[in-house]
Every structure is written in C-alpha cells, then in structure tokens.
C-alpha cells in the first residue's frame, strides 16, 4: 500500500479501522500488507501500534522495493 500521497486525517484513520473490522466480521483473512510512504513521524506511530498488537502481517517499508521484497518472502512461507 503506497501512502506517500495521502494526508493523515483522523477520518482516514477511522475508515481504515472500520475496513479492518468489517473484514474480520466477514471472515476475510488478514493477508500480509506492506506499507510505504509514511513520514518519519507516521512510521514511528504506526510501528508502535504494530508492536503493541504483535501484528506479523504488517510491515512498514522504507521503499517500494523493500516492501515488494518483504511480501515476496512472506509468500514463500
């Protein structure tokens, strides 16, 4: 997911959480997701939540290539 041209509004964050909850309720599996394009502050905050939730299906990448490499490795598991 490329977030480089998005603005971090609370409404965007709320919609993201809503999508996750709807997917869970409908039994849609949690697939590995790599996110690229966060600012340093956004990445720090997101990484904190990933750590707290111990979410191994979410990766905050520095570049698109790094994100693709991580996803490729996850696909091989």
C-alpha atoms as a PDB file:
ATOM      1  CA  UNK A   1       0.000   0.000   0.000  1.00  0.00           C
ATOM      2  CA  UNK A   2       1.543   3.311  -1.041  1.00  0.00           C
ATOM      3  CA  UNK A   3       0.589   6.071   1.387  1.00  0.00           C
ATOM      4  CA  UNK A   4       3.001   8.687   0.029  1.00  0.00           C
ATOM      5  CA  UNK A   5       0.300  10.972  -1.374  1.00  0.00           C
ATOM      6  CA  UNK A   6      -2.158  10.761   1.491  1.00  0.00           C
ATOM      7  CA  UNK A   7      -2.781  13.164   4.329  1.00  0.00           C
ATOM      8  CA  UNK A   8      -3.174  11.640   7.806  1.00  0.00           C
ATOM      9  CA  UNK A   9      -6.612  12.914   8.762  1.00  0.00           C
ATOM     10  CA  UNK A  10      -8.480  11.286  11.656  1.00  0.00           C
ATOM     11  CA  UNK A  11     -11.283  10.379   9.242  1.00  0.00           C
ATOM     12  CA  UNK A  12      -8.822   8.411   7.072  1.00  0.00           C
ATOM     13  CA  UNK A  13      -7.556   6.520  10.122  1.00  0.00           C
ATOM     14  CA  UNK A  14     -11.116   5.812  11.277  1.00  0.00           C
ATOM     15  CA  UNK A  15     -12.075   4.474   7.845  1.00  0.00           C
ATOM     16  CA  UNK A  16      -9.030   2.179   7.870  1.00  0.00           C
ATOM     17  CA  UNK A  17     -10.007   0.751  11.259  1.00  0.00           C
ATOM     18  CA  UNK A  18     -13.584   0.325  10.038  1.00  0.00           C
ATOM     19  CA  UNK A  19     -12.406  -1.631   6.990  1.00  0.00           C
ATOM     20  CA  UNK A  20     -10.353  -3.961   9.186  1.00  0.00           C
ATOM     21  CA  UNK A  21     -13.313  -4.620  11.499  1.00  0.00           C
ATOM     22  CA  UNK A  22     -15.701  -5.280   8.596  1.00  0.00           C
ATOM     23  CA  UNK A  23     -13.202  -7.700   7.036  1.00  0.00           C
ATOM     24  CA  UNK A  24     -12.827  -9.567  10.355  1.00  0.00           C
ATOM     25  CA  UNK A  25     -16.598  -9.756  10.815  1.00  0.00           C
ATOM     26  CA  UNK A  26     -16.989 -11.236   7.326  1.00  0.00           C
ATOM     27  CA  UNK A  27     -14.197 -13.766   7.843  1.00  0.00           C
ATOM     28  CA  UNK A  28     -11.821 -12.195   5.334  1.00  0.00           C
ATOM     29  CA  UNK A  29      -8.290 -13.349   6.232  1.00  0.00           C
ATOM     30  CA  UNK A  30      -5.617 -10.916   7.342  1.00  0.00           C
ATOM     31  CA  UNK A  31      -3.128 -11.033   4.470  1.00  0.00           C
ATOM     32  CA  UNK A  32       0.416  -9.698   4.704  1.00  0.00           C
ATOM     33  CA  UNK A  33       0.479  -5.996   3.943  1.00  0.00           C
ATOM     34  CA  UNK A  34       3.463  -3.748   3.332  1.00  0.00           C
ATOM     35  CA  UNK A  35       3.020  -0.012   3.646  1.00  0.00           C
ATOM     36  CA  UNK A  36       5.367   2.518   2.073  1.00  0.00           C
ATOM     37  CA  UNK A  37       5.299   6.308   2.000  1.00  0.00           C
ATOM     38  CA  UNK A  38       4.761   7.222   5.643  1.00  0.00           C
ATOM     39  CA  UNK A  39       6.619  10.224   7.022  1.00  0.00           C
ATOM     40  CA  UNK A  40       9.096   9.521   9.822  1.00  0.00           C
ATOM     41  CA  UNK A  41       6.532  10.537  12.454  1.00  0.00           C
ATOM     42  CA  UNK A  42       3.745   8.476  10.873  1.00  0.00           C
ATOM     43  CA  UNK A  43       6.047   5.474  10.600  1.00  0.00           C
ATOM     44  CA  UNK A  44       7.081   5.745  14.255  1.00  0.00           C
ATOM     45  CA  UNK A  45       3.484   5.916  15.453  1.00  0.00           C
ATOM     46  CA  UNK A  46       2.371   3.075  13.179  1.00  0.00           C
ATOM     47  CA  UNK A  47       5.318   0.923  14.259  1.00  0.00           C
ATOM     48  CA  UNK A  48       4.308   1.429  17.887  1.00  0.00           C
ATOM     49  CA  UNK A  49       0.827   0.065  17.157  1.00  0.00           C
ATOM     50  CA  UNK A  50       2.232  -2.846  15.135  1.00  0.00           C
ATOM     51  CA  UNK A  51       4.497  -3.760  18.066  1.00  0.00           C
ATOM     52  CA  UNK A  52       1.726  -3.481  20.645  1.00  0.00           C
ATOM     53  CA  UNK A  53      -0.605  -5.655  18.558  1.00  0.00           C
ATOM     54  CA  UNK A  54       2.231  -8.051  17.691  1.00  0.00           C
ATOM     55  CA  UNK A  55       0.992  -7.938  14.114  1.00  0.00           C
ATOM     56  CA  UNK A  56       3.327 -10.005  11.948  1.00  0.00           C
ATOM     57  CA  UNK A  57       1.236  -9.398   8.812  1.00  0.00           C
ATOM     58  CA  UNK A  58       2.024  -5.688   8.590  1.00  0.00           C
ATOM     59  CA  UNK A  59       5.362  -4.263   7.511  1.00  0.00           C
ATOM     60  CA  UNK A  60       6.319  -0.587   7.312  1.00  0.00           C
ATOM     61  CA  UNK A  61       8.800  -0.355   4.463  1.00  0.00           C
ATOM     62  CA  UNK A  62      11.129   2.468   3.542  1.00  0.00           C
ATOM     63  CA  UNK A  63      10.842   1.895  -0.218  1.00  0.00           C
ATOM     64  CA  UNK A  64       8.611   0.094  -2.690  1.00  0.00           C
ATOM     65  CA  UNK A  65      11.401  -2.364  -3.434  1.00  0.00           C
ATOM     66  CA  UNK A  66      11.793  -3.160   0.255  1.00  0.00           C
ATOM     67  CA  UNK A  67       8.025  -3.673   0.517  1.00  0.00           C
ATOM     68  CA  UNK A  68       7.984  -5.985  -2.522  1.00  0.00           C
ATOM     69  CA  UNK A  69      10.906  -7.997  -1.159  1.00  0.00           C
ATOM     70  CA  UNK A  70       9.172  -8.478   2.209  1.00  0.00           C
ATOM     71  CA  UNK A  71       5.922  -9.527   0.537  1.00  0.00           C
ATOM     72  CA  UNK A  72       7.764 -11.963  -1.717  1.00  0.00           C
ATOM     73  CA  UNK A  73       9.445 -13.562   1.297  1.00  0.00           C
ATOM     74  CA  UNK A  74       6.096 -13.820   3.119  1.00  0.00           C
ATOM     75  CA  UNK A  75       4.576 -15.537   0.106  1.00  0.00           C
ATOM     76  CA  UNK A  76       7.258 -18.222   0.252  1.00  0.00           C
ATOM     77  CA  UNK A  77       6.385 -19.201   3.864  1.00  0.00           C
END
